[in-house]
Amino acid sequence: MAKSKLAALDRKSVAVELVIKGSDRLLFGHGVYEPDGAEGNRLRIQASGSSGCALEIHESSWNGTILPGKPYGCDFLLRIA
């Protein structure tokens, strides 16, 4: 079985590039990879700061891009299509 690309983001700092109503937004946080046979594997990104916001990406429907995050001061950049 091939190793998950999302698993590489476990316990790493992550920036997520989102397009909301035609405008680019960045969310910064830390990834937690959660293998789950029943619901499918997922990456949970807990946003930095006190907002309590979290983003959950399910591996079965993931179609974005993972890039180096150095330009953003973190380990990885996720671009969500």
Protein backbone atom coordinates (compact mmCIF):
# COMPACT_ATOMS: atom_id res chain seq x y z
CA MET A 1 0.00 0.00 0.00
CA ALA A 2 1.38 3.43 -0.94
CA LYS A 3 2.10 5.86 1.87
CA SER A 4 -0.27 8.81 2.10
CA LYS A 5 0.97 12.20 0.98
CA LEU A 6 -1.16 13.80 3.69
CA ALA A 7 0.53 11.66 6.37
CA ALA A 8 3.77 13.59 5.74
CA LEU A 9 2.06 16.69 7.20
CA ASP A 10 1.46 15.09 10.61
CA ARG A 11 2.80 17.36 13.37
CA LYS A 12 4.09 19.88 10.81
CA SER A 13 3.34 23.57 10.41
CA VAL A 14 1.03 24.14 7.47
CA ALA A 15 -0.34 27.08 5.49
CA VAL A 16 -3.54 26.41 3.56
CA GLU A 17 -4.34 28.56 0.54
CA LEU A 18 -8.09 28.88 0.06
CA VAL A 19 -10.13 30.80 -2.49
CA ILE A 20 -13.22 32.28 -0.84
CA LYS A 21 -15.62 34.27 -3.00
CA GLY A 22 -12.85 34.84 -5.56
CA SER A 23 -10.33 36.06 -2.99
CA ASP A 24 -7.22 34.17 -1.84
CA ARG A 25 -6.98 33.52 1.91
CA LEU A 26 -4.28 31.85 3.98
CA LEU A 27 -4.93 29.75 7.06
CA PHE A 28 -1.93 28.85 9.23
CA GLY A 29 -1.85 25.95 11.64
CA HIS A 30 -0.49 22.52 12.47
CA GLY A 31 -1.46 19.23 10.86
CA VAL A 32 -2.63 16.11 12.66
CA TYR A 33 -3.00 13.01 10.47
CA GLU A 34 -5.71 10.66 11.69
CA PRO A 35 -5.87 7.19 10.13
CA ASP A 36 -9.39 5.83 10.38
CA GLY A 37 -10.53 2.68 8.66
CA ALA A 38 -14.23 3.37 9.22
CA GLU A 39 -14.48 6.93 7.90
CA GLY A 40 -11.26 7.11 5.90
CA ASN A 41 -7.96 8.79 6.68
CA ARG A 42 -7.92 12.52 7.18
CA LEU A 43 -5.67 15.46 7.94
CA ARG A 44 -6.95 17.90 10.53
CA ILE A 45 -5.37 21.36 10.49
CA GLN A 46 -5.87 23.27 13.71
CA ALA A 47 -5.58 27.00 13.03
CA SER A 48 -3.03 29.02 14.96
CA GLY A 49 -4.35 31.61 17.38
CA SER A 50 -7.45 31.68 19.47
CA SER A 51 -10.06 31.29 16.72
CA GLY A 52 -10.51 27.57 17.38
CA CYS A 53 -10.98 27.07 13.63
CA ALA A 54 -10.02 23.70 12.17
CA LEU A 55 -10.01 22.33 8.64
CA GLU A 56 -10.44 18.64 7.93
CA ILE A 57 -9.26 17.12 4.66
CA HIS A 58 -10.42 13.60 3.83
CA GLU A 59 -7.87 11.61 1.91
CA SER A 60 -10.48 9.93 -0.29
CA SER A 61 -11.54 13.27 -1.77
CA TRP A 62 -8.20 15.15 -1.62
CA ASN A 63 -7.25 16.71 -4.97
CA GLY A 64 -5.10 19.66 -3.96
CA THR A 65 -1.38 20.35 -4.16
CA ILE A 66 1.29 20.09 -1.46
CA LEU A 67 4.23 22.50 -1.83
CA PRO A 68 7.16 23.55 0.36
CA GLY A 69 6.00 26.16 2.86
CA LYS A 70 9.30 27.96 3.39
CA PRO A 71 8.13 31.17 1.62
CA TYR A 72 5.30 31.32 4.18
CA GLY A 73 7.45 30.50 7.22
CA CYS A 74 6.10 26.97 7.67
CA ASP A 75 6.86 23.39 6.63
CA PHE A 76 4.20 22.96 3.92
CA LEU A 77 1.71 24.88 1.81
CA LEU A 78 -1.55 23.21 0.77
CA ARG A 79 -3.39 24.57 -2.24
CA ILE A 80 -6.97 23.48 -2.28
CA ALA A 81 -8.53 23.15 -5.71
